[in-house]
Structures are given as C-alpha cells and as structure tokens.
Amino acid sequence: MLASAALAALGLLAVAAVAAAQPDNDLAALLAELEPGFEVLPLTDGYVLKPRAEDAPVQLLEVRDGAVIADGEPLTRRRLRRLLGDSAAAALLELAELTAAADELASARRRLA
C-alpha cells in the first residue's frame, strides 16, 4: 500500500515537473500571436477569445480543458482549421495544450498538498 502511494506521488511529481518546464514566455508568445485577430480574456481555467473581424465565422471561442469550443460547440482540429485557417488553428490548439497542462499541474499540486 505504501509502495503504491509512493509510486503515485512520484508519478504526480513527474507530471508537475513536465508541466512546470513549459516556460511562461511560450504562453505570452501564443497570446501575442492571437491578439491581432482576437480579443483575449483570461478565465480561471482557460481563455475566451472574441474575433476582432465583424465577418468572423464564429462569435466566441473558449479554450479550456484542452479543447477549443466555438459558440458552445467543441471543435475538431479539422473543423478549427477550416473555420480559422492553419495559423490561428495551430496557435489555438497549442494554447489548449498549455491550458490542459496547467490544469494537470494544479490538480497534481492539490493532490500532493
């Protein structure tokens, strides 16, 4: 029992170390890349992005829990690329991965506390 608890704690620490290794400047660079096309608002568990273009194919994007949601509907990678183009889709998918990693880190910290 003690060995499995120690192994679980080591696993959580490994997840936390990997997530913590992601520099904050990667996030800042992604947000700066998205800023020209979107108004970006932080949430406690992700981001809301409002397209600046009046004729945008979506009204609101949410990035949380490792997913990109457009107007309340989760998007596949393919649909995201079709709607917003390769560059914006790549940045949004990377942002989704970073928010998922941050969520995992926060969860691991809570379990270890």
N, C-alpha and C. Protein backbone atom coordinates (compact mmCIF):
# COMPACT_ATOMS: atom_id res chain seq x y z
N MET A 1 0.83 -1.19 0.00
CA MET A 1 0.00 0.00 0.00
C MET A 1 0.87 1.25 0.00
N LEU A 2 1.88 1.26 0.89
CA LEU A 2 2.78 2.41 0.98
C LEU A 2 3.58 2.57 -0.31
N ALA A 3 4.00 1.45 -0.89
CA ALA A 3 4.77 1.50 -2.13
C ALA A 3 3.93 2.07 -3.27
N SER A 4 2.66 1.68 -3.36
CA SER A 4 1.82 2.21 -4.44
C SER A 4 1.51 3.68 -4.22
N ALA A 5 1.38 4.12 -2.97
CA ALA A 5 1.16 5.55 -2.70
C ALA A 5 2.40 6.36 -3.08
N ALA A 6 3.58 5.81 -2.77
CA ALA A 6 4.82 6.50 -3.13
C ALA A 6 4.98 6.56 -4.65
N LEU A 7 4.62 5.49 -5.32
CA LEU A 7 4.70 5.46 -6.78
C LEU A 7 3.73 6.46 -7.40
N ALA A 8 2.54 6.55 -6.85
CA ALA A 8 1.56 7.53 -7.34
C ALA A 8 2.07 8.95 -7.13
N ALA A 9 2.67 9.21 -5.97
CA ALA A 9 3.22 10.54 -5.69
C ALA A 9 4.34 10.88 -6.67
N LEU A 10 5.19 9.90 -6.97
CA LEU A 10 6.26 10.13 -7.94
C LEU A 10 5.70 10.43 -9.33
N GLY A 11 4.65 9.73 -9.69
CA GLY A 11 4.00 9.99 -10.98
C GLY A 11 3.44 11.39 -11.06
N LEU A 12 2.81 11.83 -9.97
CA LEU A 12 2.27 13.18 -9.94
C LEU A 12 3.38 14.22 -10.01
N LEU A 13 4.47 13.95 -9.32
CA LEU A 13 5.60 14.88 -9.38
C LEU A 13 6.18 14.95 -10.79
N ALA A 14 6.22 13.82 -11.48
CA ALA A 14 6.73 13.82 -12.85
C ALA A 14 5.84 14.66 -13.76
N VAL A 15 4.53 14.51 -13.61
CA VAL A 15 3.58 15.32 -14.39
C VAL A 15 3.79 16.80 -14.08
N ALA A 16 3.93 17.11 -12.79
CA ALA A 16 4.12 18.50 -12.38
C ALA A 16 5.42 19.06 -12.95
N ALA A 17 6.47 18.26 -12.95
CA ALA A 17 7.76 18.73 -13.46
C ALA A 17 7.69 19.00 -14.96
N VAL A 18 7.02 18.14 -15.70
CA VAL A 18 6.89 18.34 -17.14
C VAL A 18 6.08 19.60 -17.42
N ALA A 19 4.98 19.77 -16.71
CA ALA A 19 4.14 20.96 -16.92
C ALA A 19 4.87 22.23 -16.52
N ALA A 20 5.62 22.17 -15.44
CA ALA A 20 6.35 23.35 -14.98
C ALA A 20 7.49 23.70 -15.91
N ALA A 21 7.97 22.75 -16.67
CA ALA A 21 9.07 23.02 -17.59
C ALA A 21 8.65 23.88 -18.77
N GLN A 22 7.35 23.99 -19.02
CA GLN A 22 6.86 24.82 -20.12
C GLN A 22 6.99 26.28 -19.73
N PRO A 23 7.86 27.03 -20.39
CA PRO A 23 8.10 28.41 -20.00
C PRO A 23 6.88 29.30 -20.21
N ASP A 24 6.73 30.26 -19.31
CA ASP A 24 5.62 31.21 -19.41
C ASP A 24 5.72 32.05 -20.67
N ASN A 25 6.95 32.24 -21.18
CA ASN A 25 7.07 33.07 -22.38
C ASN A 25 6.49 32.38 -23.61
N ASP A 26 6.35 31.05 -23.61
CA ASP A 26 5.64 30.37 -24.70
C ASP A 26 4.18 30.80 -24.71
N LEU A 27 3.59 30.87 -23.53
CA LEU A 27 2.20 31.30 -23.40
C LEU A 27 2.07 32.75 -23.84
N ALA A 28 2.98 33.60 -23.40
CA ALA A 28 2.94 35.02 -23.78
C ALA A 28 3.08 35.18 -25.29
N ALA A 29 3.96 34.38 -25.90
CA ALA A 29 4.15 34.45 -27.35
C ALA A 29 2.89 34.01 -28.09
N LEU A 30 2.24 32.96 -27.60
CA LEU A 30 0.99 32.49 -28.22
C LEU A 30 -0.10 33.55 -28.12
N LEU A 31 -0.24 34.13 -26.94
CA LEU A 31 -1.26 35.16 -26.75
C LEU A 31 -0.97 36.36 -27.64
N ALA A 32 0.30 36.75 -27.76
CA ALA A 32 0.68 37.86 -28.63
C ALA A 32 0.37 37.53 -30.10
N GLU A 33 0.54 36.28 -30.47
CA GLU A 33 0.23 35.85 -31.84
C GLU A 33 -1.26 35.93 -32.12
N LEU A 34 -2.08 35.65 -31.11
CA LEU A 34 -3.53 35.66 -31.28
C LEU A 34 -4.15 37.05 -31.17
N GLU A 35 -3.48 37.96 -30.45
CA GLU A 35 -4.02 39.30 -30.18
C GLU A 35 -4.47 40.08 -31.42
N PRO A 36 -3.74 40.07 -32.54
CA PRO A 36 -4.21 40.86 -33.68
C PRO A 36 -5.59 40.43 -34.20
N GLY A 37 -5.89 39.16 -34.10
CA GLY A 37 -7.15 38.66 -34.62
C GLY A 37 -8.25 38.48 -33.59
N PHE A 38 -7.88 38.49 -32.31
CA PHE A 38 -8.84 38.19 -31.25
C PHE A 38 -8.64 39.09 -30.04
N GLU A 39 -9.73 39.42 -29.39
CA GLU A 39 -9.66 40.00 -28.05
C GLU A 39 -9.56 38.79 -27.12
N VAL A 40 -8.50 38.72 -26.33
CA VAL A 40 -8.23 37.55 -25.49
C VAL A 40 -8.49 37.91 -24.03
N LEU A 41 -9.39 37.17 -23.40
CA LEU A 41 -9.73 37.40 -22.00
C LEU A 41 -9.42 36.15 -21.19
N PRO A 42 -8.61 36.29 -20.13
CA PRO A 42 -8.28 35.11 -19.32
C PRO A 42 -9.44 34.70 -18.41
N LEU A 43 -9.57 33.41 -18.22
CA LEU A 43 -10.50 32.82 -17.25
C LEU A 43 -9.67 32.11 -16.20
N THR A 44 -10.28 31.64 -15.15
CA THR A 44 -9.53 30.88 -14.15
C THR A 44 -9.04 29.55 -14.71
N ASP A 45 -9.74 29.01 -15.70
CA ASP A 45 -9.37 27.70 -16.25
C ASP A 45 -9.17 27.71 -17.76
N GLY A 46 -8.84 28.86 -18.32
CA GLY A 46 -8.64 28.94 -19.76
C GLY A 46 -8.74 30.36 -20.28
N TYR A 47 -9.26 30.48 -21.51
CA TYR A 47 -9.35 31.79 -22.16
C TYR A 47 -10.63 31.87 -22.98
N VAL A 48 -11.14 33.08 -23.11
CA VAL A 48 -12.22 33.38 -24.04
C VAL A 48 -11.62 34.30 -25.10
N LEU A 49 -11.90 34.01 -26.35
CA LEU A 49 -11.39 34.82 -27.45
C LEU A 49 -12.56 35.29 -28.30
N LYS A 50 -12.61 36.60 -28.51
CA LYS A 50 -13.65 37.19 -29.34
C LYS A 50 -12.98 37.70 -30.62
N PRO A 51 -13.39 37.19 -31.77
CA PRO A 51 -12.78 37.64 -33.02
C PRO A 51 -12.96 39.15 -33.22
N ARG A 52 -11.92 39.80 -33.70
CA ARG A 52 -11.98 41.24 -33.96
C ARG A 52 -12.70 41.54 -35.27
N ALA A 53 -12.66 40.62 -36.22
CA ALA A 53 -13.32 40.83 -37.51
C ALA A 53 -14.83 40.66 -37.37
N GLU A 54 -15.57 41.60 -37.93
CA GLU A 54 -17.03 41.54 -37.84
C GLU A 54 -17.60 40.36 -38.63
N ASP A 55 -16.90 39.94 -39.67
CA ASP A 55 -17.40 38.85 -40.51
C ASP A 55 -16.77 37.50 -40.16
N ALA A 56 -16.28 37.37 -38.94
CA ALA A 56 -15.64 36.12 -38.50
C ALA A 56 -16.66 34.98 -38.52
N PRO A 57 -16.20 33.76 -38.80
CA PRO A 57 -17.12 32.62 -38.87
C PRO A 57 -17.65 32.16 -37.50
N VAL A 58 -17.08 32.68 -36.42
CA VAL A 58 -17.56 32.36 -35.08
C VAL A 58 -17.67 33.67 -34.29
N GLN A 59 -18.52 33.66 -33.27
CA GLN A 59 -18.68 34.85 -32.44
C GLN A 59 -17.81 34.80 -31.21
N LEU A 60 -17.59 33.59 -30.69
CA LEU A 60 -16.85 33.46 -29.44
C LEU A 60 -16.14 32.11 -29.40
N LEU A 61 -14.90 32.11 -28.95
CA LEU A 61 -14.13 30.88 -28.76
C LEU A 61 -13.78 30.75 -27.29
N GLU A 62 -13.84 29.53 -26.79
CA GLU A 62 -13.37 29.22 -25.45
C GLU A 62 -12.25 28.19 -25.58
N VAL A 63 -11.19 28.41 -24.82
CA VAL A 63 -10.10 27.43 -24.77
C VAL A 63 -9.99 27.01 -23.32
N ARG A 64 -10.37 25.76 -23.04
CA ARG A 64 -10.32 25.24 -21.67
C ARG A 64 -10.35 23.72 -21.71
N ASP A 65 -9.81 23.14 -20.68
CA ASP A 65 -9.80 21.67 -20.55
C ASP A 65 -9.19 20.98 -21.78
N GLY A 66 -8.24 21.64 -22.42
CA GLY A 66 -7.59 21.04 -23.58
C GLY A 66 -8.41 21.06 -24.85
N ALA A 67 -9.51 21.82 -24.86
CA ALA A 67 -10.40 21.85 -26.02
C ALA A 67 -10.60 23.29 -26.49
N VAL A 68 -10.97 23.40 -27.77
CA VAL A 68 -11.36 24.68 -28.34
C VAL A 68 -12.85 24.57 -28.66
N ILE A 69 -13.62 25.50 -28.13
CA ILE A 69 -15.08 25.49 -28.26
C ILE A 69 -15.49 26.76 -28.98
N ALA A 70 -16.25 26.62 -30.06
CA ALA A 70 -16.73 27.77 -30.83
C ALA A 70 -18.24 27.89 -30.66
N ASP A 71 -18.66 29.03 -30.13
CA ASP A 71 -20.08 29.29 -29.94
C ASP A 71 -20.77 28.12 -29.23
N GLY A 72 -20.10 27.56 -28.23
CA GLY A 72 -20.66 26.49 -27.42
C GLY A 72 -20.46 25.08 -27.96
N GLU A 73 -19.85 24.95 -29.13
CA GLU A 73 -19.67 23.63 -29.75
C GLU A 73 -18.19 23.26 -29.80
N PRO A 74 -17.80 22.13 -29.20
CA PRO A 74 -16.39 21.69 -29.30
C PRO A 74 -16.01 21.46 -30.76
N LEU A 75 -14.80 21.90 -31.11
CA LEU A 75 -14.34 21.78 -32.49
C LEU A 75 -13.27 20.70 -32.63
N THR A 76 -13.34 19.97 -33.71
CA THR A 76 -12.25 19.07 -34.07
C THR A 76 -11.13 19.91 -34.66
N ARG A 77 -9.94 19.34 -34.74
CA ARG A 77 -8.81 20.05 -35.35
C ARG A 77 -9.15 20.43 -36.80
N ARG A 78 -9.75 19.52 -37.51
CA ARG A 78 -10.08 19.76 -38.92
C ARG A 78 -11.05 20.92 -39.07
N ARG A 79 -12.10 20.91 -38.28
CA ARG A 79 -13.11 21.99 -38.35
C ARG A 79 -12.50 23.32 -37.94
N LEU A 80 -11.66 23.31 -36.93
CA LEU A 80 -10.99 24.52 -36.47
C LEU A 80 -10.13 25.11 -37.60
N ARG A 81 -9.39 24.26 -38.29
CA ARG A 81 -8.55 24.73 -39.40
C ARG A 81 -9.40 25.28 -40.54
N ARG A 82 -10.52 24.62 -40.82
CA ARG A 82 -11.40 25.10 -41.89
C ARG A 82 -12.01 26.46 -41.54
N LEU A 83 -12.39 26.63 -40.29
CA LEU A 83 -13.02 27.89 -39.87
C LEU A 83 -12.04 29.05 -39.80
N LEU A 84 -10.86 28.82 -39.22
CA LEU A 84 -9.97 29.92 -38.88
C LEU A 84 -8.64 29.93 -39.63
N GLY A 85 -8.35 28.89 -40.39
CA GLY A 85 -7.07 28.82 -41.09
C GLY A 85 -6.02 28.11 -40.26
N ASP A 86 -4.96 27.71 -40.93
CA ASP A 86 -3.92 26.90 -40.29
C ASP A 86 -3.20 27.62 -39.16
N SER A 87 -2.84 28.88 -39.37
CA SER A 87 -2.05 29.60 -38.37
C SER A 87 -2.81 29.81 -37.07
N ALA A 88 -4.04 30.33 -37.16
CA ALA A 88 -4.84 30.55 -35.96
C ALA A 88 -5.19 29.23 -35.29
N ALA A 89 -5.50 28.22 -36.10
CA ALA A 89 -5.84 26.91 -35.54
C ALA A 89 -4.66 26.32 -34.77
N ALA A 90 -3.46 26.43 -35.35
CA ALA A 90 -2.27 25.89 -34.67
C ALA A 90 -2.03 26.60 -33.35
N ALA A 91 -2.17 27.93 -33.33
CA ALA A 91 -1.97 28.68 -32.09
C ALA A 91 -3.03 28.32 -31.05
N LEU A 92 -4.27 28.18 -31.47
CA LEU A 92 -5.34 27.82 -30.53
C LEU A 92 -5.17 26.41 -29.99
N LEU A 93 -4.74 25.49 -30.83
CA LEU A 93 -4.51 24.12 -30.36
C LEU A 93 -3.35 24.06 -29.38
N GLU A 94 -2.32 24.85 -29.63
CA GLU A 94 -1.19 24.89 -28.69
C GLU A 94 -1.63 25.53 -27.37
N LEU A 95 -2.45 26.57 -27.45
CA LEU A 95 -2.99 27.19 -26.24
C LEU A 95 -3.83 26.18 -25.46
N ALA A 96 -4.62 25.37 -26.16
CA ALA A 96 -5.42 24.34 -25.50
C ALA A 96 -4.53 23.34 -24.78
N GLU A 97 -3.43 22.95 -25.41
CA GLU A 97 -2.49 22.02 -24.77
C GLU A 97 -1.86 22.64 -23.52
N LEU A 98 -1.50 23.92 -23.61
CA LEU A 98 -0.90 24.59 -22.45
C LEU A 98 -1.89 24.71 -21.30
N THR A 99 -3.15 25.01 -21.61
CA THR A 99 -4.14 25.12 -20.53
C THR A 99 -4.41 23.75 -19.91
N ALA A 100 -4.40 22.70 -20.73
CA ALA A 100 -4.58 21.35 -20.19
C ALA A 100 -3.42 20.98 -19.27
N ALA A 101 -2.19 21.33 -19.68
CA ALA A 101 -1.02 21.04 -18.84
C ALA A 101 -1.08 21.83 -17.54
N ALA A 102 -1.53 23.07 -17.60
CA ALA A 102 -1.65 23.88 -16.38
C ALA A 102 -2.71 23.29 -15.46
N ASP A 103 -3.81 22.79 -16.03
CA ASP A 103 -4.84 22.14 -15.22
C ASP A 103 -4.30 20.89 -14.53
N GLU A 104 -3.51 20.10 -15.26
CA GLU A 104 -2.91 18.89 -14.68
C GLU A 104 -1.96 19.24 -13.54
N LEU A 105 -1.18 20.29 -13.73
CA LEU A 105 -0.25 20.73 -12.70
C LEU A 105 -1.01 21.18 -11.45
N ALA A 106 -2.05 21.97 -11.63
CA ALA A 106 -2.84 22.43 -10.49
C ALA A 106 -3.48 21.26 -9.76
N SER A 107 -3.99 20.29 -10.52
CA SER A 107 -4.60 19.11 -9.92
C SER A 107 -3.57 18.30 -9.14
N ALA A 108 -2.38 18.14 -9.71
CA ALA A 108 -1.31 17.39 -9.03
C ALA A 108 -0.90 18.09 -7.75
N ARG A 109 -0.81 19.40 -7.80
CA ARG A 109 -0.44 20.16 -6.59
C ARG A 109 -1.48 19.99 -5.49
N ARG A 110 -2.76 20.01 -5.88
CA ARG A 110 -3.83 19.83 -4.88
C ARG A 110 -3.75 18.45 -4.24
N ARG A 111 -3.46 17.43 -5.06
CA ARG A 111 -3.38 16.07 -4.52
C ARG A 111 -2.18 15.89 -3.60
N LEU A 112 -1.10 16.60 -3.89
CA LEU A 112 0.10 16.48 -3.06
C LEU A 112 0.03 17.32 -1.80
N ALA A 113 -0.84 18.29 -1.77
CA ALA A 113 -0.93 19.19 -0.61
C ALA A 113 -1.58 18.53 0.58
